[in-house]
Amino acid sequence: ANTMATVSEAIGLALPYSAGAPAPYEIRDRFCAAAGEKVMELIAKNIRPRQIVTRQALENAATVVAASGGSTNAALHLPAIAHEAGIKFDLFDVAEIFRRTPY
């Protein structure tokens, strides 16, 4: 879950620093409230997730996963997210990013 929480930040679908807050910490409550406010702002501006999740965002997320030693499950989840967003980004793209990213 930590890897995909980090991915959510890296692709821009979670607020900065929100993925790292441990579950029992009260700061999580503030992140939840702030996330709700941000969602309402984005809806008002007609900004949708597919405008945020771009190929560059997915590449960034794969780089973060590789650099942090995150779960290889991300290699499956990132292409699935890309597919849902209509972006060409497959396991081979992830593998290339993993290969060239120092750990």
Protein backbone atom coordinates (compact mmCIF):
# COMPACT_ATOMS: atom_id res chain seq x y z
CA ALA A 1 0.00 0.00 0.00
CA ASN A 2 2.91 2.39 0.65
CA THR A 3 4.12 2.10 -2.93
CA MET A 4 0.76 2.92 -4.45
CA ALA A 5 0.23 5.72 -1.94
CA THR A 6 3.49 7.19 -3.18
CA VAL A 7 2.35 6.66 -6.76
CA SER A 8 -0.85 8.58 -6.03
CA GLU A 9 1.25 11.60 -5.11
CA ALA A 10 3.70 11.18 -7.97
CA ILE A 11 0.94 11.13 -10.60
CA GLY A 12 -0.78 14.11 -9.03
CA LEU A 13 -3.92 12.47 -7.66
CA ALA A 14 -3.03 12.95 -3.99
CA LEU A 15 -2.01 16.04 -2.12
CA PRO A 16 1.71 16.60 -1.64
CA TYR A 17 3.09 14.82 1.45
CA SER A 18 -0.19 13.01 2.12
CA ALA A 19 1.09 9.55 1.20
CA GLY A 20 3.74 9.52 3.89
CA ALA A 21 1.59 10.29 6.90
CA PRO A 22 1.18 7.17 9.07
CA ALA A 23 -2.41 5.95 9.46
CA PRO A 24 -2.79 6.67 13.21
CA TYR A 25 -1.54 10.27 12.95
CA GLU A 26 -4.13 13.02 13.28
CA ILE A 27 -2.59 14.89 10.34
CA ARG A 28 -4.41 12.35 8.15
CA ASP A 29 -7.70 14.02 9.15
CA ARG A 30 -6.42 17.36 7.83
CA PHE A 31 -5.27 15.71 4.60
CA CYS A 32 -8.75 14.20 4.15
CA ALA A 33 -10.46 17.56 4.62
CA ALA A 34 -7.97 19.31 2.34
CA ALA A 35 -8.40 16.61 -0.32
CA GLY A 36 -12.16 17.11 -0.27
CA GLU A 37 -11.72 20.86 -0.70
CA LYS A 38 -9.27 20.33 -3.57
CA VAL A 39 -11.66 17.92 -5.32
CA MET A 40 -14.40 20.53 -5.17
CA GLU A 41 -12.02 23.18 -6.60
CA LEU A 42 -11.01 20.89 -9.45
CA ILE A 43 -14.63 20.07 -10.28
CA ALA A 44 -15.47 23.79 -10.31
CA LYS A 45 -12.58 24.35 -12.75
CA ASN A 46 -13.70 21.36 -14.84
CA ILE A 47 -10.35 19.61 -14.30
CA ARG A 48 -10.64 15.85 -14.44
CA PRO A 49 -8.23 13.04 -13.48
CA ARG A 50 -7.44 12.30 -17.13
CA GLN A 51 -6.07 15.83 -17.43
CA ILE A 52 -3.77 15.20 -14.46
CA VAL A 53 -2.69 11.64 -15.22
CA THR A 54 -0.44 12.06 -18.24
CA ARG A 55 2.29 9.87 -19.66
CA GLN A 56 4.85 12.16 -18.02
CA ALA A 57 3.09 11.71 -14.65
CA LEU A 58 3.16 7.92 -15.08
CA GLU A 59 6.85 8.02 -16.00
CA ASN A 60 7.49 10.14 -12.91
CA ALA A 61 5.61 7.64 -10.75
CA ALA A 62 7.60 4.71 -12.17
CA THR A 63 10.82 6.60 -11.45
CA VAL A 64 9.76 7.26 -7.86
CA VAL A 65 8.89 3.58 -7.40
CA ALA A 66 12.24 2.47 -8.78
CA ALA A 67 14.28 5.00 -6.81
CA SER A 68 12.56 4.16 -3.54
CA GLY A 69 12.66 0.40 -3.96
CA GLY A 70 8.89 0.25 -4.09
CA SER A 71 6.83 -2.84 -4.80
CA THR A 72 7.03 -4.33 -8.25
CA ASN A 73 3.22 -4.45 -8.15
CA ALA A 74 3.46 -0.88 -9.42
CA ALA A 75 4.77 -2.36 -12.68
CA LEU A 76 1.30 -3.85 -13.12
CA HIS A 77 -0.76 -1.04 -11.66
CA LEU A 78 0.82 1.82 -13.63
CA PRO A 79 0.02 0.31 -17.06
CA ALA A 80 -3.50 -0.44 -15.82
CA ILE A 81 -3.96 3.19 -14.78
CA ALA A 82 -2.56 4.26 -18.16
CA HIS A 83 -4.98 1.98 -19.97
CA GLU A 84 -7.94 3.47 -18.11
CA ALA A 85 -6.72 6.97 -19.00
CA GLY A 86 -6.21 6.05 -22.66
CA ILE A 87 -2.44 6.45 -22.48
CA LYS A 88 0.05 4.13 -24.18
CA PHE A 89 2.30 3.05 -21.31
CA ASP A 90 2.95 -0.64 -20.83
CA LEU A 91 5.07 -3.03 -18.79
CA PHE A 92 8.00 -2.56 -21.18
CA ASP A 93 7.93 1.20 -20.59
CA VAL A 94 7.93 0.62 -16.82
CA ALA A 95 10.75 -1.92 -17.10
CA GLU A 96 12.89 0.56 -19.05
CA ILE A 97 12.38 3.22 -16.39
CA PHE A 98 13.19 0.70 -13.64
CA ARG A 99 16.34 -0.36 -15.52
CA ARG A 100 17.77 3.14 -15.87
CA THR A 101 16.79 4.48 -12.43
CA PRO A 102 19.39 4.10 -9.67
CA TYR A 103 18.24 2.62 -6.40
